[in-house]
Amino acid sequence: MKKLLFAMLLMGAVVTNAQSQEVISSSTGNGYVGDFSNEVKVNFFNLIALGSIEIGYERFLSSDHSLDLQLLLNDRFGFNNENKGKKYKTNSAQVSMNFYFGGNNTDQLPRGRFYIYPLAKLRFGEFEETVDGGVTTTNMNAFMFGAGAGYKWEISDHFAFGPYASVTRGFSDEVADRFARIEVNAGFSLGYRF
């Protein structure tokens, strides 16, 4: 419970700090953010493949970096399935800082850039599986650190999409008894900028 409270306070402080900063316009940056400082997005790949709902909000602090908040509903551990009596009852909240680089300074669309990001993630919930006719429950509450990378194409003034992948390390001994400490996640997001 203390870890959950700490993570929520940390995320709240980061969001408050991000909202108080001015976004640098495209005339002083490299032309990628334009007049838009916000992006809402959904990971449609995992929605289709796993039934996991991943929604996010990205706040551009400049043309080269942004604060990214994600909410993952029905979060799976990596890409594990729910066959043979397995059931994930887990959700997660994730915060990351995206650093954009590469690409060329152009006003022509489409254009794209690579980005890398460190992340912190808090997962909460339970995992149930049928073992010898009974149900075994694993507490999935865990705090995780990791890093990721992706590529984002801007296909219009308001829409951007692209693939990304991340690797995290969990710090829960109970989760590590059932799953590996290292988790890989990937997806393909579609975002709307405003």
Protein backbone atom coordinates (compact mmCIF):
# COMPACT_ATOMS: atom_id res chain seq x y z
CA MET A 1 0.00 0.00 0.00
CA LYS A 2 2.90 2.37 0.78
CA LYS A 3 4.40 1.71 -2.67
CA LEU A 4 1.06 2.48 -4.36
CA LEU A 5 0.66 5.72 -2.43
CA PHE A 6 4.26 6.76 -3.19
CA ALA A 7 3.86 6.04 -6.92
CA MET A 8 0.59 7.98 -7.09
CA LEU A 9 2.16 10.98 -5.33
CA LEU A 10 5.17 10.82 -7.64
CA MET A 11 2.97 10.72 -10.76
CA GLY A 12 0.87 13.61 -9.44
CA ALA A 13 3.97 15.72 -8.82
CA VAL A 14 5.32 14.99 -12.30
CA VAL A 15 1.99 15.87 -13.96
CA THR A 16 1.76 19.12 -11.99
CA ASN A 17 5.31 20.04 -12.99
CA ALA A 18 4.64 19.22 -16.65
CA GLN A 19 1.51 21.36 -16.75
CA SER A 20 3.38 24.34 -15.34
CA GLN A 21 6.01 24.34 -18.11
CA GLU A 22 5.67 26.13 -21.44
CA VAL A 23 5.91 24.18 -24.66
CA ILE A 24 8.49 25.46 -27.10
CA SER A 25 6.90 26.29 -30.43
CA SER A 26 8.05 24.79 -33.69
CA SER A 27 9.81 28.02 -34.67
CA THR A 28 12.40 27.44 -31.94
CA GLY A 29 12.44 23.65 -32.15
CA ASN A 30 12.76 21.32 -35.08
CA GLY A 31 9.21 21.63 -36.41
CA TYR A 32 7.86 18.36 -35.06
CA VAL A 33 5.49 19.54 -32.33
CA GLY A 34 3.94 22.47 -34.14
CA ASP A 35 1.28 24.32 -32.21
CA PHE A 36 0.22 21.16 -30.37
CA SER A 37 1.47 20.33 -26.89
CA ASN A 38 -0.74 17.35 -26.02
CA GLU A 39 -1.33 13.90 -27.46
CA VAL A 40 -3.83 11.24 -26.41
CA LYS A 41 -3.15 7.75 -27.72
CA VAL A 42 -4.16 4.13 -27.65
CA ASN A 43 -2.11 0.98 -28.22
CA PHE A 44 -4.37 -0.68 -30.78
CA PHE A 45 -2.03 -3.67 -31.33
CA ASN A 46 -2.42 -5.02 -27.79
CA LEU A 47 -6.13 -4.18 -27.82
CA ILE A 48 -6.59 -6.48 -30.82
CA ALA A 49 -4.09 -9.19 -29.85
CA LEU A 50 -4.66 -9.43 -26.07
CA GLY A 51 -7.77 -7.47 -25.17
CA SER A 52 -5.54 -5.20 -23.08
CA ILE A 53 -6.57 -1.54 -23.10
CA GLU A 54 -3.60 0.81 -23.05
CA ILE A 55 -4.41 4.51 -23.16
CA GLY A 56 -1.96 7.33 -22.73
CA TYR A 57 -1.44 11.05 -22.50
CA GLU A 58 1.76 12.68 -23.74
CA ARG A 59 2.62 16.26 -22.80
CA PHE A 60 5.35 17.85 -24.94
CA LEU A 61 7.69 19.92 -22.77
CA SER A 62 9.71 20.94 -25.83
CA SER A 63 10.06 19.76 -29.41
CA ASP A 64 12.60 17.14 -28.26
CA HIS A 65 11.12 15.66 -25.08
CA SER A 66 7.79 14.88 -23.45
CA LEU A 67 6.21 13.41 -20.36
CA ASP A 68 4.18 10.27 -21.09
CA LEU A 69 1.53 8.81 -18.75
CA GLN A 70 -0.03 5.42 -19.53
CA LEU A 71 -2.91 3.49 -18.00
CA LEU A 72 -3.01 -0.23 -18.80
CA LEU A 73 -6.27 -2.07 -18.10
CA ASN A 74 -6.23 -5.88 -18.14
CA ASP A 75 -2.44 -5.66 -18.16
CA ARG A 76 -0.77 -8.96 -18.95
CA PHE A 77 2.67 -9.96 -17.78
CA GLY A 78 4.50 -9.58 -21.07
CA PHE A 79 2.46 -11.35 -23.71
CA ASN A 80 1.21 -14.30 -21.65
CA ASN A 81 -2.13 -15.76 -22.65
CA GLU A 82 -5.10 -16.77 -20.51
CA ASN A 83 -5.41 -20.37 -21.69
CA LYS A 84 -5.81 -23.40 -19.40
CA GLY A 85 -7.53 -21.66 -16.49
CA LYS A 86 -5.19 -18.65 -16.29
CA LYS A 87 -6.76 -15.29 -15.50
CA TYR A 88 -5.04 -11.89 -15.16
CA LYS A 89 -6.90 -9.40 -12.98
CA THR A 90 -4.24 -6.72 -13.21
CA ASN A 91 -3.97 -3.04 -14.09
CA SER A 92 -0.96 -0.74 -14.31
CA ALA A 93 0.05 2.89 -14.34
CA GLN A 94 3.24 3.96 -16.08
CA VAL A 95 5.16 7.23 -16.33
CA SER A 96 8.04 7.86 -18.72
CA MET A 97 10.08 10.69 -20.23
CA ASN A 98 10.38 10.48 -24.02
CA PHE A 99 13.51 11.89 -25.70
CA TYR A 100 13.12 12.42 -29.46
CA PHE A 101 16.03 12.54 -31.91
CA GLY A 102 16.90 12.08 -35.55
CA GLY A 103 14.73 12.90 -38.51
CA ASN A 104 15.08 16.01 -40.58
CA ASN A 105 13.84 19.54 -40.08
CA THR A 106 11.02 19.63 -42.57
CA ASP A 107 7.45 20.84 -42.71
CA GLN A 108 6.48 18.13 -45.20
CA LEU A 109 4.35 15.25 -43.98
CA PRO A 110 4.77 12.42 -43.25
CA ARG A 111 7.84 12.76 -41.09
CA GLY A 112 9.20 10.57 -38.34
CA ARG A 113 11.64 10.35 -35.46
CA PHE A 114 13.11 7.82 -33.08
CA TYR A 115 12.67 8.18 -29.35
CA ILE A 116 13.98 6.50 -26.21
CA TYR A 117 12.51 6.60 -22.73
CA PRO A 118 13.17 5.57 -19.13
CA LEU A 119 10.03 4.43 -17.31
CA ALA A 120 8.56 3.59 -13.93
CA LYS A 121 5.55 1.30 -13.71
CA LEU A 122 3.24 0.22 -10.91
CA ARG A 123 1.15 -2.92 -11.44
CA PHE A 124 -1.57 -4.03 -9.05
CA GLY A 125 -3.98 -6.93 -9.01
CA GLU A 126 -3.92 -10.74 -9.02
CA PHE A 127 -3.15 -13.66 -11.28
CA GLU A 128 -5.22 -16.83 -10.92
CA GLU A 129 -4.55 -20.25 -12.38
CA THR A 130 -6.04 -23.69 -11.98
CA VAL A 131 -3.59 -26.15 -10.38
CA ASP A 132 -4.62 -29.73 -9.52
CA GLY A 133 -8.32 -28.83 -9.56
CA GLY A 134 -7.90 -25.80 -7.27
CA VAL A 135 -7.24 -22.12 -7.92
CA THR A 136 -3.86 -20.64 -7.01
CA THR A 137 -3.66 -16.86 -6.66
CA THR A 138 -0.50 -14.75 -7.08
CA ASN A 139 -0.40 -11.17 -5.81
CA MET A 140 0.87 -9.18 -8.83
CA ASN A 141 1.49 -5.88 -7.00
CA ALA A 142 4.90 -4.74 -8.20
CA PHE A 143 6.97 -1.65 -8.81
CA MET A 144 9.12 -1.73 -11.96
CA PHE A 145 11.84 0.31 -13.66
CA GLY A 146 12.84 0.00 -17.27
CA ALA A 147 13.62 1.60 -20.60
CA GLY A 148 12.22 1.54 -24.09
CA ALA A 149 12.51 2.83 -27.62
CA GLY A 150 10.17 3.55 -30.48
CA TYR A 151 9.57 5.35 -33.73
CA LYS A 152 6.76 7.80 -34.39
CA TRP A 153 5.44 9.00 -37.75
CA GLU A 154 3.48 12.22 -37.99
CA ILE A 155 1.03 11.52 -40.79
CA SER A 156 -0.96 14.76 -40.50
CA ASP A 157 -1.07 17.85 -38.34
CA HIS A 158 -3.10 15.97 -35.72
CA PHE A 159 -2.26 12.25 -36.03
CA ALA A 160 0.87 10.27 -35.18
CA PHE A 161 1.49 6.54 -34.93
CA GLY A 162 4.30 4.05 -34.57
CA PRO A 163 5.80 0.97 -32.89
CA TYR A 164 7.57 0.84 -29.55
CA ALA A 165 9.09 -1.74 -27.19
CA SER A 166 10.28 -1.71 -23.59
CA VAL A 167 12.03 -3.90 -21.04
CA THR A 168 11.33 -3.59 -17.31
CA ARG A 169 12.60 -5.21 -14.13
CA GLY A 170 10.14 -5.93 -11.33
CA PHE A 171 10.91 -5.72 -7.61
CA SER A 172 8.31 -8.10 -6.18
CA ASP A 173 9.57 -11.41 -4.79
CA GLU A 174 6.09 -12.96 -4.96
CA VAL A 175 5.77 -12.15 -8.67
CA ALA A 176 9.34 -13.38 -9.26
CA ASP A 177 8.42 -16.76 -7.71
CA ARG A 178 5.86 -17.31 -10.50
CA PHE A 179 7.21 -15.16 -13.38
CA ALA A 180 10.60 -13.82 -14.47
CA ARG A 181 11.73 -10.49 -13.04
CA ILE A 182 12.33 -9.17 -16.55
CA GLU A 183 9.28 -8.26 -18.64
CA VAL A 184 9.15 -7.30 -22.32
CA ASN A 185 6.32 -5.18 -23.71
CA ALA A 186 5.66 -3.83 -27.18
CA GLY A 187 2.88 -2.19 -29.09
CA PHE A 188 1.74 0.08 -31.88
CA SER A 189 0.09 3.31 -30.86
CA LEU A 190 -2.16 5.78 -32.63
CA GLY A 191 -2.27 9.28 -31.20
CA TYR A 192 -4.29 12.46 -31.68
CA ARG A 193 -2.53 15.79 -31.07
CA PHE A 194 -4.23 18.96 -29.89
